Amino acid sequence: METHKGDYQNNEGGSASNLVNRQTNADDTVINVNGIKIGGEELVIIAGPCAVENREQLLETAKAVCSGGANILRGGAYKPRTSPYSFQGLGEEGLKYLSQARKETGLPIVTEVMDTRQMELVCKYADIIQIGSRSMHNFPLLKEAGKCGKPVLFKRGLMATIDEYLSAAEYILSGGNQEVILCERGIRTFENYTRNTLDLSAVPILKRQTHLPVIVDPSHATGHRWLVPVMAKAAIIVGADGIMVEVHNNPLEALSDGQQSLFPEDFGKLMKELEIIAEVTGRKVYRRNPSMA
């Protein structure tokens, strides 16, 4: 691929053949998670609550998103919160609930790891580990992710440039883990109407610069329930390989991010709209075989 001004290059004296770079690997990386291919022709939908609050809440939500057409279940057992007094997650108890939800729905699970000391435990339960935006520059954690043996959903930091983001992803790949899913989730700008500013231009840029799959999280980007569907559809239009949205069985009483979480019925409606949008772009939304559940 011809290099243009602004194309990703490691300027800190690293190898000229960066592992994230499309010049190193011209073929798109496709990550297979229990038969679900992320980065292929089909779009993957990740959905679930921001936080695992209790067994009933998670199972009810998991069954709702499974019925609505989600492919992967998200849910936080460990929660990085701005205030130390906010709900911090259930820890291993939450991981056990996620494991039960996977058993009952057939959905693989993705959940966040915040600390190197949590890595072994989270990997015991999760199909995909998530490294959130606050941890993008936690280099010891990135190095552990490079050795964890699980696919990594890696979110862009809230104030990171694309070059900084890709350099951070390089830590994971250079550690031996080639299964990295990039996630644009909004960056901090002077605009405060939304929680963050969703940088949709990052999607085609990342797809041009790297061979890794790219998904979009419109929930954390916008912070408003009503904005999530329209930005999810826009993400598919600009070339995302999937989306990750927050869905809660009762958002009005959620312990975390209820204002940006979809009601189950709204998620079902969004899935139908995404199928139409996908067809326009020459792709389709991945649909699980009912026998897999």
Protein backbone atom coordinates (compact mmCIF):
# COMPACT_ATOMS: atom_id res chain seq x y z
CA MET A 1 0.00 0.00 0.00
CA GLU A 2 1.26 3.44 -0.85
CA THR A 3 2.16 5.52 2.21
CA HIS A 4 0.55 8.92 2.58
CA LYS A 5 1.08 11.73 5.02
CA GLY A 6 -0.61 10.77 8.25
CA ASP A 7 -0.28 7.01 7.69
CA TYR A 8 0.73 5.16 10.86
CA GLN A 9 4.45 4.81 11.46
CA ASN A 10 6.31 4.05 14.68
CA ASN A 11 8.58 7.06 15.18
CA GLU A 12 10.24 5.86 18.38
CA GLY A 13 12.91 3.74 16.78
CA GLY A 14 10.89 0.53 16.69
CA SER A 15 10.84 -2.04 13.93
CA ALA A 16 9.98 -0.70 10.51
CA SER A 17 7.57 -3.61 10.10
CA ASN A 18 5.03 -2.82 12.82
CA LEU A 19 2.74 -5.72 13.47
CA VAL A 20 -0.43 -3.60 13.42
CA ASN A 21 0.45 -2.07 10.08
CA ARG A 22 -1.36 -3.14 6.92
CA GLN A 23 1.95 -2.88 5.10
CA THR A 24 3.08 -5.81 7.25
CA ASN A 25 -0.11 -7.82 6.77
CA ALA A 26 -2.19 -6.88 3.73
CA ASP A 27 -4.96 -9.37 4.51
CA ASP A 28 -7.70 -8.51 6.98
CA THR A 29 -7.38 -10.33 10.27
CA VAL A 30 -10.49 -12.36 11.07
CA ILE A 31 -10.88 -13.48 14.68
CA ASN A 32 -12.88 -16.63 15.35
CA VAL A 33 -14.63 -16.70 18.72
CA ASN A 34 -16.60 -19.92 19.16
CA GLY A 35 -17.50 -19.92 15.48
CA ILE A 36 -18.29 -16.19 15.32
CA LYS A 37 -15.94 -14.45 12.92
CA ILE A 38 -15.07 -10.85 13.79
CA GLY A 39 -13.65 -8.90 10.88
CA GLY A 40 -15.14 -11.04 8.14
CA GLU A 41 -17.98 -10.36 5.73
CA GLU A 42 -20.62 -10.47 8.45
CA LEU A 43 -21.16 -7.78 11.07
CA VAL A 44 -20.93 -8.81 14.71
CA ILE A 45 -23.17 -7.32 17.39
CA ILE A 46 -22.02 -7.24 21.02
CA ALA A 47 -24.69 -6.30 23.56
CA GLY A 48 -25.42 -6.45 27.25
CA PRO A 49 -25.37 -4.38 30.43
CA CYS A 50 -22.59 -2.04 31.42
CA ALA A 51 -22.24 -3.85 34.73
CA VAL A 52 -23.27 -7.23 36.08
CA GLU A 53 -25.46 -6.19 39.03
CA ASN A 54 -26.99 -9.49 40.08
CA ARG A 55 -27.86 -12.89 38.66
CA GLU A 56 -31.46 -12.08 37.68
CA GLN A 57 -30.57 -8.79 35.96
CA LEU A 58 -27.83 -10.39 33.89
CA LEU A 59 -29.74 -13.50 32.85
CA GLU A 60 -32.85 -11.55 31.89
CA THR A 61 -30.79 -9.10 29.82
CA ALA A 62 -28.67 -11.86 28.27
CA LYS A 63 -31.76 -13.75 27.12
CA ALA A 64 -33.25 -10.54 25.74
CA VAL A 65 -30.21 -9.62 23.65
CA CYS A 66 -29.83 -13.22 22.48
CA SER A 67 -33.46 -13.23 21.34
CA GLY A 68 -32.92 -9.84 19.69
CA GLY A 69 -30.03 -11.13 17.60
CA ALA A 70 -26.83 -10.31 19.51
CA ASN A 71 -23.83 -12.51 18.83
CA ILE A 72 -21.71 -11.81 21.93
CA LEU A 73 -22.70 -10.82 25.47
CA ARG A 74 -20.93 -7.95 27.22
CA GLY A 75 -20.99 -7.24 30.94
CA GLY A 76 -18.58 -5.72 33.44
CA ALA A 77 -17.57 -7.67 36.54
CA TYR A 78 -14.87 -5.13 37.35
CA LYS A 79 -15.88 -1.52 36.75
CA PRO A 80 -13.51 1.47 36.43
CA ARG A 81 -15.61 4.36 37.74
CA THR A 82 -14.85 8.06 37.95
CA SER A 83 -15.94 8.15 41.60
CA PRO A 84 -14.60 5.64 44.14
CA TYR A 85 -18.08 5.65 45.71
CA SER A 86 -19.84 4.40 42.58
CA PHE A 87 -20.67 0.73 42.04
CA GLN A 88 -17.38 -1.05 41.31
CA GLY A 89 -18.71 -4.40 40.10
CA LEU A 90 -19.16 -7.85 41.67
CA GLY A 91 -15.72 -9.24 40.81
CA GLU A 92 -15.54 -13.02 40.52
CA GLU A 93 -19.20 -13.38 41.47
CA GLY A 94 -20.04 -11.35 38.37
CA LEU A 95 -17.77 -13.53 36.25
CA LYS A 96 -19.63 -16.60 37.46
CA TYR A 97 -22.95 -15.04 36.47
CA LEU A 98 -21.53 -14.28 33.03
CA SER A 99 -20.43 -17.90 32.70
CA GLN A 100 -23.95 -19.04 33.59
CA ALA A 101 -25.43 -16.64 31.03
CA ARG A 102 -23.15 -18.11 28.36
CA LYS A 103 -24.32 -21.60 29.28
CA GLU A 104 -27.98 -20.63 29.05
CA THR A 105 -27.80 -18.54 25.86
CA GLY A 106 -24.80 -19.89 23.95
CA LEU A 107 -23.39 -16.36 23.66
CA PRO A 108 -19.63 -15.93 24.13
CA ILE A 109 -18.80 -13.29 26.74
CA VAL A 110 -16.54 -10.25 26.78
CA THR A 111 -15.65 -8.55 30.03
CA GLU A 112 -13.09 -6.00 31.16
CA VAL A 113 -9.81 -6.59 32.96
CA MET A 114 -8.36 -3.57 34.76
CA ASP A 115 -5.27 -4.91 36.47
CA THR A 116 -2.52 -7.41 35.72
CA ARG A 117 -3.49 -9.23 38.92
CA GLN A 118 -6.97 -9.88 37.48
CA MET A 119 -5.81 -11.27 34.15
CA GLU A 120 -5.58 -14.95 35.06
CA LEU A 121 -8.97 -14.97 36.79
CA VAL A 122 -10.79 -13.07 34.02
CA CYS A 123 -9.26 -15.31 31.34
CA LYS A 124 -10.61 -18.32 33.23
CA TYR A 125 -14.15 -17.13 32.52
CA ALA A 126 -14.10 -14.82 29.48
CA ASP A 127 -14.04 -15.65 25.77
CA ILE A 128 -12.76 -12.14 24.97
CA ILE A 129 -11.04 -9.82 27.40
CA GLN A 130 -11.68 -6.10 27.16
CA ILE A 131 -9.13 -3.41 27.88
CA GLY A 132 -11.01 -0.18 28.41
CA SER A 133 -10.12 3.34 27.39
CA ARG A 134 -8.79 4.25 30.83
CA SER A 135 -6.27 1.40 30.52
CA MET A 136 -5.05 2.14 27.00
CA HIS A 137 -1.68 3.35 28.34
CA ASN A 138 -1.41 0.74 31.08
CA PHE A 139 1.61 -0.86 29.44
CA PRO A 140 2.11 -3.69 31.98
CA LEU A 141 -1.53 -4.69 31.38
CA LEU A 142 -1.05 -4.53 27.59
CA LYS A 143 1.99 -6.79 27.89
CA GLU A 144 -0.04 -9.28 29.92
CA ALA A 145 -2.76 -9.17 27.27
CA GLY A 146 -0.09 -10.08 24.74
CA LYS A 147 0.48 -13.33 26.61
CA CYS A 148 -3.07 -14.12 27.74
CA GLY A 149 -4.07 -16.44 24.91
CA LYS A 150 -7.49 -14.79 24.50
CA PRO A 151 -8.79 -12.32 21.90
CA VAL A 152 -8.58 -8.74 23.17
CA LEU A 153 -11.19 -6.03 22.59
CA PHE A 154 -9.05 -2.92 22.86
CA LYS A 155 -10.72 0.47 23.30
CA ARG A 156 -9.21 3.75 22.18
CA GLY A 157 -8.22 6.07 25.01
CA LEU A 158 -10.45 9.07 25.50
CA MET A 159 -7.66 11.52 24.61
CA ALA A 160 -5.53 9.35 22.32
CA THR A 161 -4.57 10.13 18.75
CA ILE A 162 -4.88 7.30 16.25
CA ASP A 163 -1.10 6.91 16.12
CA GLU A 164 -0.95 6.66 19.92
CA TYR A 165 -3.75 4.11 19.85
CA LEU A 166 -2.03 1.92 17.29
CA SER A 167 1.28 2.17 19.11
CA ALA A 168 -0.48 0.91 22.24
CA ALA A 169 -2.04 -1.96 20.28
CA GLU A 170 1.46 -2.86 19.14
CA TYR A 171 2.30 -3.80 22.73
CA ILE A 172 -0.33 -6.55 22.61
CA LEU A 173 0.66 -7.89 19.20
CA SER A 174 4.38 -7.76 19.96
CA GLY A 175 3.69 -9.91 23.02
CA GLY A 176 2.47 -12.69 20.74
CA ASN A 177 -1.28 -12.07 20.63
CA GLN A 178 -2.45 -11.31 17.09
CA GLU A 179 -6.17 -11.41 17.97
CA VAL A 180 -6.89 -7.76 18.71
CA ILE A 181 -10.22 -6.06 18.01
CA LEU A 182 -9.99 -2.28 17.86
CA CYS A 183 -12.88 -0.29 19.32
CA GLU A 184 -13.65 3.38 18.71
CA ARG A 185 -15.68 4.65 21.67
CA GLY A 186 -15.43 8.41 21.40
CA ILE A 187 -12.80 10.90 22.44
CA ARG A 188 -12.87 13.94 24.70
CA THR A 189 -13.30 17.28 22.95
CA PHE A 190 -14.59 20.72 23.95
CA GLU A 191 -18.14 19.57 23.15
CA ASN A 192 -20.06 18.57 26.27
CA TYR A 193 -23.55 17.85 24.91
CA THR A 194 -22.56 14.21 24.47
CA ARG A 195 -20.50 12.11 26.86
CA ASN A 196 -17.70 11.99 24.30
CA THR A 197 -17.32 12.86 20.62
CA LEU A 198 -17.68 9.78 18.44
CA ASP A 199 -14.86 9.91 15.89
CA LEU A 200 -16.40 7.96 13.03
CA SER A 201 -13.58 9.06 10.73
CA ALA A 202 -11.36 6.79 12.82
CA VAL A 203 -13.08 3.72 11.38
CA PRO A 204 -12.00 4.08 7.72
CA ILE A 205 -8.62 5.41 8.88
CA LEU A 206 -8.02 2.37 11.08
CA LYS A 207 -9.25 0.04 8.33
CA ARG A 208 -6.77 1.67 5.95
CA GLN A 209 -3.86 1.68 8.38
CA THR A 210 -4.24 -1.73 9.95
CA HIS A 211 -5.45 -5.24 9.20
CA LEU A 212 -7.23 -5.59 12.55
CA PRO A 213 -11.04 -5.64 12.83
CA VAL A 214 -12.68 -2.40 14.00
CA ILE A 215 -15.91 -2.05 15.93
CA VAL A 216 -17.71 0.99 17.38
CA ASP A 217 -19.24 1.58 20.82
CA PRO A 218 -21.91 4.29 20.36
CA SER A 219 -23.16 3.91 23.94
CA HIS A 220 -20.05 5.26 25.67
CA ALA A 221 -19.46 7.69 22.82
CA THR A 222 -22.78 9.49 23.09
CA GLY A 223 -24.00 8.87 26.63
CA HIS A 224 -27.62 9.26 25.46
CA ARG A 225 -29.97 6.36 24.76
CA TRP A 226 -31.71 8.15 21.91
CA LEU A 227 -28.43 8.77 20.08
CA VAL A 228 -27.17 5.19 20.23
CA PRO A 229 -29.22 3.70 17.32
CA VAL A 230 -28.46 6.45 14.82
CA MET A 231 -24.73 6.39 15.58
CA ALA A 232 -24.70 2.59 15.45
CA LYS A 233 -26.16 2.73 11.96
CA ALA A 234 -23.67 5.42 10.95
CA ALA A 235 -20.83 3.21 12.19
CA ILE A 236 -21.89 0.44 9.82
CA ILE A 237 -22.10 2.90 6.93
CA VAL A 238 -18.48 4.01 7.42
CA GLY A 239 -17.19 0.43 7.45
CA ALA A 240 -17.17 -0.87 11.03
CA ASP A 241 -17.03 -4.63 11.45
CA GLY A 242 -19.60 -4.50 14.22
CA ILE A 243 -20.92 -2.54 17.14
CA MET A 244 -21.04 -2.89 20.90
CA VAL A 245 -24.08 -1.44 22.67
CA GLU A 246 -25.30 -1.37 26.22
CA VAL A 247 -28.67 -3.01 26.87
CA HIS A 248 -30.31 -3.35 30.29
CA ASN A 249 -33.53 -5.07 31.33
CA ASN A 250 -34.43 -1.95 33.37
CA PRO A 251 -32.20 0.99 32.41
CA LEU A 252 -34.03 3.41 34.69
CA GLU A 253 -32.71 1.52 37.72
CA ALA A 254 -29.29 0.53 36.38
CA LEU A 255 -26.34 0.90 38.75
CA SER A 256 -24.10 2.04 35.90
CA ASP A 257 -24.75 3.96 32.66
CA GLY A 258 -28.51 3.56 32.64
CA GLN A 259 -28.99 6.78 30.66
CA GLN A 260 -27.16 5.32 27.65
CA SER A 261 -28.49 1.76 27.89
CA LEU A 262 -31.14 0.58 25.46
CA PHE A 263 -34.35 -1.09 26.56
CA PRO A 264 -34.54 -4.66 25.16
CA GLU A 265 -37.34 -3.71 22.78
CA ASP A 266 -35.26 -0.83 21.41
CA PHE A 267 -32.37 -3.22 20.83
CA GLY A 268 -34.64 -5.54 18.86
CA LYS A 269 -35.75 -2.64 16.69
CA LEU A 270 -32.13 -1.55 16.16
CA MET A 271 -31.15 -5.03 15.00
CA LYS A 272 -33.80 -4.96 12.28
CA GLU A 273 -32.57 -1.55 11.13
CA LEU A 274 -28.94 -2.68 11.14
CA GLU A 275 -29.81 -5.57 8.83
CA ILE A 276 -31.19 -3.08 6.30
CA ILE A 277 -28.15 -0.80 6.61
CA ALA A 278 -25.79 -3.76 6.29
CA GLU A 279 -27.44 -4.86 3.06
CA VAL A 280 -26.93 -1.37 1.60
CA THR A 281 -23.20 -1.65 2.33
CA GLY A 282 -22.94 -5.11 0.78
CA ARG A 283 -22.67 -6.95 4.09
CA LYS A 284 -25.02 -8.68 6.47
CA VAL A 285 -25.46 -9.06 10.20
CA TYR A 286 -24.23 -12.36 11.58
CA ARG A 287 -27.09 -14.59 12.62
CA ARG A 288 -26.48 -17.47 15.00
CA ASN A 289 -27.70 -20.93 14.18
CA PRO A 290 -30.49 -21.64 16.69
CA SER A 291 -28.91 -25.04 17.35
CA MET A 292 -25.85 -23.27 18.79
CA ALA A 293 -27.82 -22.06 21.82
